[in-house]
Protein backbone atom coordinates (compact mmCIF):
# COMPACT_ATOMS: atom_id res chain seq x y z
CA MET A 1 -101.16 -8.60 30.63
CA LYS A 2 -104.42 -9.45 32.36
CA ALA A 3 -104.45 -6.17 34.18
CA TYR A 4 -103.86 -4.19 31.08
CA GLY A 5 -106.63 -6.12 29.30
CA ALA A 6 -109.04 -5.18 32.14
CA ILE A 7 -107.97 -1.52 31.80
CA PHE A 8 -108.57 -1.58 28.14
CA ARG A 9 -112.09 -3.12 28.56
CA ILE A 10 -113.14 -0.79 31.14
CA ARG A 11 -111.99 2.34 29.41
CA PHE A 12 -113.41 1.07 26.10
CA GLN A 13 -116.78 0.33 27.56
CA ASN A 14 -116.88 3.75 29.46
CA SER A 15 -116.06 5.71 26.24
CA LEU A 16 -118.88 3.85 24.27
CA GLN A 17 -121.45 5.71 26.50
CA TYR A 18 -120.78 9.00 24.73
CA ARG A 19 -123.02 8.42 21.70
CA MET A 20 -124.14 11.92 21.13
CA ALA A 21 -120.51 12.96 20.91
CA ALA A 22 -120.04 10.24 18.38
CA LEU A 23 -122.90 11.41 16.31
CA ALA A 24 -121.59 14.93 16.27
CA GLY A 25 -118.17 13.62 15.33
CA MET A 26 -119.69 11.50 12.64
CA ALA A 27 -121.56 14.38 11.05
CA THR A 28 -118.21 16.35 11.08
CA GLN A 29 -116.37 13.45 9.33
CA TYR A 30 -119.16 13.25 6.73
CA ALA A 31 -119.04 16.94 5.95
CA TRP A 32 -115.17 17.16 6.00
CA GLY A 33 -115.01 14.02 3.76
CA PHE A 34 -117.36 15.30 1.15
CA MET A 35 -115.74 18.73 1.18
CA LEU A 36 -112.18 17.29 0.68
CA ILE A 37 -113.36 14.97 -2.15
CA LEU A 38 -115.23 17.67 -4.04
CA SER A 39 -112.21 19.93 -3.58
CA TYR A 40 -109.85 17.38 -4.98
CA SER A 41 -112.29 16.62 -7.74
CA ALA A 42 -112.10 20.17 -9.03
CA PHE A 43 -108.42 20.14 -9.11
CA TYR A 44 -108.26 16.68 -10.80
CA ARG A 45 -110.63 17.68 -13.47
CA ALA A 46 -108.27 20.64 -14.37
CA ASP A 47 -105.20 18.40 -14.96
CA PRO A 48 -105.38 14.77 -13.80
CA ALA A 49 -101.78 14.12 -14.87
CA ALA A 50 -100.36 16.53 -12.45
CA PHE A 51 -101.20 14.50 -9.44
CA PRO A 52 -99.00 11.82 -7.89
CA MET A 53 -101.94 9.37 -7.28
CA PRO A 54 -105.11 8.59 -9.24
CA PHE A 55 -108.36 10.21 -8.10
CA SER A 56 -109.64 6.82 -7.03
CA GLN A 57 -106.87 6.28 -4.64
CA ALA A 58 -107.38 9.83 -3.25
CA VAL A 59 -111.04 9.11 -2.50
CA SER A 60 -110.20 5.75 -0.76
CA TYR A 61 -107.57 7.54 1.18
CA ILE A 62 -110.01 10.39 2.33
CA TRP A 63 -112.85 8.01 3.28
CA MET A 64 -110.66 5.77 5.23
CA GLN A 65 -109.04 8.58 6.98
CA GLN A 66 -112.43 10.04 7.92
CA SER A 67 -113.75 6.64 9.10
CA PHE A 68 -110.83 6.12 11.54
CA TYR A 69 -110.06 9.74 12.25
CA SER A 70 -110.27 9.35 16.06
CA LEU A 71 -107.85 6.48 15.85
CA PHE A 72 -105.23 8.42 13.90
CA ALA A 73 -105.52 12.12 14.80
CA ALA A 74 -102.57 13.23 16.93
CA TYR A 75 -104.60 15.94 18.67
CA PHE A 76 -106.87 13.47 20.46
CA PHE A 77 -105.48 13.53 24.01
CA ASP A 78 -106.89 12.00 27.20
CA ALA A 79 -107.69 14.90 29.50
CA ASP A 80 -107.77 12.51 32.46
CA ILE A 81 -103.96 11.94 32.10
CA PHE A 82 -103.11 15.65 32.09
CA GLU A 83 -105.51 16.10 35.04
CA ALA A 84 -103.83 13.44 36.95
CA ILE A 85 -100.40 15.02 36.63
CA THR A 86 -101.36 18.56 37.33
CA SER A 87 -103.76 17.90 40.09
CA GLY A 88 -101.52 15.49 42.05
CA SER A 89 -103.94 12.55 41.76
CA ILE A 90 -101.11 10.80 40.03
CA ALA A 91 -100.19 9.60 43.46
CA TYR A 92 -103.05 7.12 43.30
CA GLU A 93 -101.75 5.96 39.94
CA LEU A 94 -98.32 5.30 41.36
CA ALA A 95 -99.90 3.08 44.13
CA ARG A 96 -101.36 0.65 41.59
CA PRO A 97 -99.30 -2.53 40.85
CA VAL A 98 -98.92 -1.73 37.15
CA SER A 99 -96.45 0.23 35.10
CA LEU A 100 -97.66 3.83 34.86
CA TYR A 101 -96.52 3.99 31.12
CA GLY A 102 -98.26 0.77 30.26
CA ARG A 103 -101.43 1.91 31.93
CA TRP A 104 -101.65 5.26 30.24
CA PHE A 105 -100.60 3.62 26.84
CA THR A 106 -103.49 1.11 27.21
CA GLN A 107 -106.02 3.71 28.50
CA SER A 108 -105.26 6.00 25.51
CA MET A 109 -105.53 3.14 22.99
CA ALA A 110 -108.93 2.09 24.52
CA VAL A 111 -110.31 5.68 24.20
CA ARG A 112 -109.20 6.02 20.66
CA SER A 113 -110.53 2.54 19.74
CA SER A 114 -114.01 3.16 21.24
CA ARG A 115 -114.43 6.50 19.35
CA ALA A 116 -113.35 4.81 16.04
CA ALA A 117 -115.85 1.86 16.77
CA LEU A 118 -118.75 4.23 17.16
CA ARG A 119 -118.08 6.18 13.97
CA CYS A 120 -116.43 4.02 11.41
CA LEU A 121 -119.20 1.58 10.31
CA PRO A 122 -121.81 4.23 9.16
CA ILE A 123 -119.08 6.26 7.29
CA LEU A 124 -117.66 3.19 5.55
CA LEU A 125 -121.01 1.95 4.57
CA THR A 126 -121.92 5.35 3.11
CA ALA A 127 -118.58 5.52 1.30
CA PHE A 128 -119.10 2.15 -0.39
CA LEU A 129 -122.71 3.04 -1.59
CA LEU A 130 -121.87 6.34 -3.08
CA PRO A 131 -121.80 6.54 -6.95
CA GLU A 132 -118.51 6.67 -8.81
CA PRO A 133 -116.12 8.45 -8.80
CA TYR A 134 -116.76 9.28 -5.19
CA ARG A 135 -117.12 5.68 -3.93
CA MET A 136 -114.45 3.96 -1.95
CA VAL A 137 -113.18 0.89 -3.42
CA LEU A 138 -112.03 -2.41 -1.70
CA PRO A 139 -108.50 -3.48 -1.73
CA GLN A 140 -107.29 -5.34 -4.72
CA SER A 141 -106.33 -8.42 -2.68
CA MET A 142 -106.60 -10.13 0.60
CA ALA A 143 -102.87 -9.55 1.07
CA GLN A 144 -103.36 -5.79 0.73
CA LEU A 145 -106.19 -5.76 3.16
CA THR A 146 -104.02 -7.80 5.65
CA LEU A 147 -101.12 -5.36 5.37
CA PHE A 148 -103.51 -2.48 5.86
CA LEU A 149 -104.97 -3.94 8.99
CA LEU A 150 -101.50 -4.59 10.31
CA SER A 151 -100.39 -1.13 9.35
CA MET A 152 -103.40 0.44 10.88
CA ALA A 153 -102.68 -1.20 14.31
CA LEU A 154 -99.14 -0.03 14.19
CA ALA A 155 -100.09 3.43 13.08
CA ALA A 156 -102.49 3.79 16.13
CA SER A 157 -99.65 2.53 18.34
CA VAL A 158 -97.10 5.03 17.07
CA VAL A 159 -99.57 7.92 17.54
CA VAL A 160 -100.25 6.81 21.11
CA ALA A 161 -96.49 6.43 21.78
CA PHE A 162 -95.94 9.94 20.38
CA ASN A 163 -98.73 11.30 22.56
CA MET A 164 -97.13 9.68 25.57
CA LEU A 165 -94.14 11.98 25.13
CA ILE A 166 -96.59 14.92 25.25
CA TYR A 167 -98.26 13.58 28.45
CA ILE A 168 -94.71 13.12 30.05
CA SER A 169 -93.77 16.79 29.09
CA ALA A 170 -96.52 17.89 31.54
CA PHE A 171 -94.26 16.83 34.41
CA TYR A 172 -91.79 19.50 33.44
CA THR A 173 -94.23 22.52 32.48
CA LEU A 174 -96.80 24.61 34.35
CA SER A 175 -99.19 24.05 31.50
CA ALA A 176 -98.85 21.43 28.65
CA ALA A 177 -101.26 23.35 26.35
CA GLY A 178 -98.53 24.98 24.31
CA VAL A 179 -96.56 21.65 23.70
CA ARG A 180 -99.82 19.90 23.03
CA MET A 181 -100.92 22.27 20.44
CA ILE A 182 -97.71 22.64 18.57
CA ALA A 183 -96.94 18.88 18.67
CA ALA A 184 -100.43 17.95 17.42
CA MET A 185 -100.36 20.37 14.57
CA VAL A 186 -96.84 19.28 13.38
CA ALA A 187 -97.67 15.63 13.76
CA ASP A 188 -101.06 15.86 11.86
CA PHE A 189 -99.61 17.85 8.96
CA LEU A 190 -96.44 15.62 8.52
CA ALA A 191 -98.54 12.46 8.89
CA GLY A 192 -100.66 13.30 5.86
CA ALA A 193 -103.82 14.46 7.73
CA ILE A 194 -104.16 17.62 5.74
CA ILE A 195 -102.80 16.49 2.46
CA PRO A 196 -101.29 13.00 1.60
CA LEU A 197 -97.46 12.95 1.68
CA PRO A 198 -97.18 12.21 -2.10
CA PHE A 199 -98.55 15.73 -2.68
CA PHE A 200 -95.55 17.20 -0.89
CA PRO A 201 -92.59 18.40 -2.96
CA LYS A 202 -90.41 15.47 -3.62
CA ALA A 203 -87.40 16.78 -1.72
CA VAL A 204 -89.69 17.36 1.22
CA GLU A 205 -91.45 14.03 0.96
CA ARG A 206 -88.12 12.08 0.96
CA VAL A 207 -87.16 13.65 4.29
CA VAL A 208 -90.65 13.39 5.87
CA SER A 209 -91.08 9.81 4.84
CA LEU A 210 -88.23 8.88 7.29
CA LEU A 211 -89.67 10.68 10.20
CA PRO A 212 -92.08 9.03 12.77
CA PHE A 213 -94.95 10.89 11.48
CA ALA A 214 -94.90 9.01 8.24
CA ALA A 215 -95.46 5.84 10.40
CA MET A 216 -98.74 7.20 11.50
CA GLN A 217 -101.91 7.53 9.28
CA ASN A 218 -99.85 8.02 6.12
CA MET A 219 -98.78 4.32 5.89
CA PRO A 220 -102.08 2.49 6.36
CA LEU A 221 -104.18 4.89 4.25
CA ARG A 222 -101.69 4.64 1.34
CA ILE A 223 -101.51 0.78 1.62
CA TYR A 224 -105.34 0.60 1.49
CA SER A 225 -105.78 2.95 -1.48
CA GLY A 226 -103.12 1.00 -3.31
CA ASN A 227 -100.60 3.87 -3.54
CA ILE A 228 -98.06 1.61 -1.69
CA ALA A 229 -97.96 -2.06 -2.40
CA GLY A 230 -95.66 -5.10 -2.33
CA GLN A 231 -92.19 -4.59 -1.07
CA ASP A 232 -92.77 -0.91 -0.39
CA ALA A 233 -95.61 -1.75 1.88
CA LEU A 234 -93.52 -4.14 3.79
CA LEU A 235 -90.63 -1.62 4.18
CA GLY A 236 -93.29 0.90 5.32
CA ILE A 237 -94.48 -1.59 8.05
CA GLY A 238 -90.84 -2.12 9.06
CA LEU A 239 -90.42 1.59 9.52
CA GLN A 240 -93.59 1.68 11.72
CA ILE A 241 -92.21 -1.11 13.95
CA PHE A 242 -88.84 0.71 14.30
CA TRP A 243 -90.52 4.07 15.23
CA LEU A 244 -92.96 2.35 17.62
CA LEU A 245 -89.99 0.62 19.46
CA ALA A 246 -87.97 3.95 19.44
CA LEU A 247 -90.78 6.06 20.72
CA VAL A 248 -91.82 3.56 23.44
CA GLY A 249 -88.26 3.18 24.61
CA THR A 250 -87.80 6.97 24.72
CA GLY A 251 -91.10 7.39 26.62
CA ARG A 252 -90.18 4.82 29.22
CA ILE A 253 -86.83 6.51 29.84
CA PHE A 254 -88.34 10.01 30.19
CA ILE A 255 -91.22 8.78 32.49
CA LYS A 256 -88.82 6.96 34.72
CA LYS A 257 -86.72 10.11 35.05
CA ALA A 258 -89.79 12.17 35.70
CA LEU A 259 -91.13 9.89 38.30
CA ASN A 260 -87.79 9.93 40.17
CA LYS A 261 -88.12 13.67 40.68
CA VAL A 262 -91.92 14.23 40.93
CA VAL A 263 -93.22 15.76 44.24
CA VAL A 264 -96.82 15.60 45.09
CA GLN A 265 -97.98 18.27 47.44
CA GLY A 266 -101.17 18.80 49.47
CA GLY A 267 -103.46 16.15 50.82
């Protein structure tokens, strides 16, 4: 565990150096957040009763999503991992006395966390200072906030565990670009990155809510906004734990099989 802690700290500190990229990303999240909220506002004014969640919940959902976008977005991949596989420098990774899966998992989590740390506070501060009805509201209780924080950590872990399967697929393909693009688009859409899952047709939502994508940003954002509370929130967290264990277990099996057949040429 000490080794993984050192890996996380080094990668986290290294990623904090990219402040201009963080500022550019922050500007994007501001613009995207305002655009989404104003778009939803127009639809809500037409017929508020037609929507499955109050406008205040939708606003909190969007602002929290934009604040921690780099933590939740499935399309954020670590290019260093793909480079290690395709270039053959994975040989150096295998020489290190730590699990390759654990190292990559920790490395990915550190990069995501550092990006979120650079962007979240200014966006959250702005969201809390906006006039109503565009202001993000605090959770109704400490219990709700606690469940949100737990769910957020699990959601980020599920995203990384899902991405690990995409990294591992690079062992079997000449280029992982196709798998990477398709998997990221499907995951983000079904996780509620485009529209919240309650806005899906009910028959579709019932199916999607059981998939691993519902254990990503969908769950913590709906818990924070108050759309999911009480027993439903606990069941949602249980679903996140199940999918995290399932994805990590699957990833470890596949990476073990890949490493048993991998051949590093050159040198």
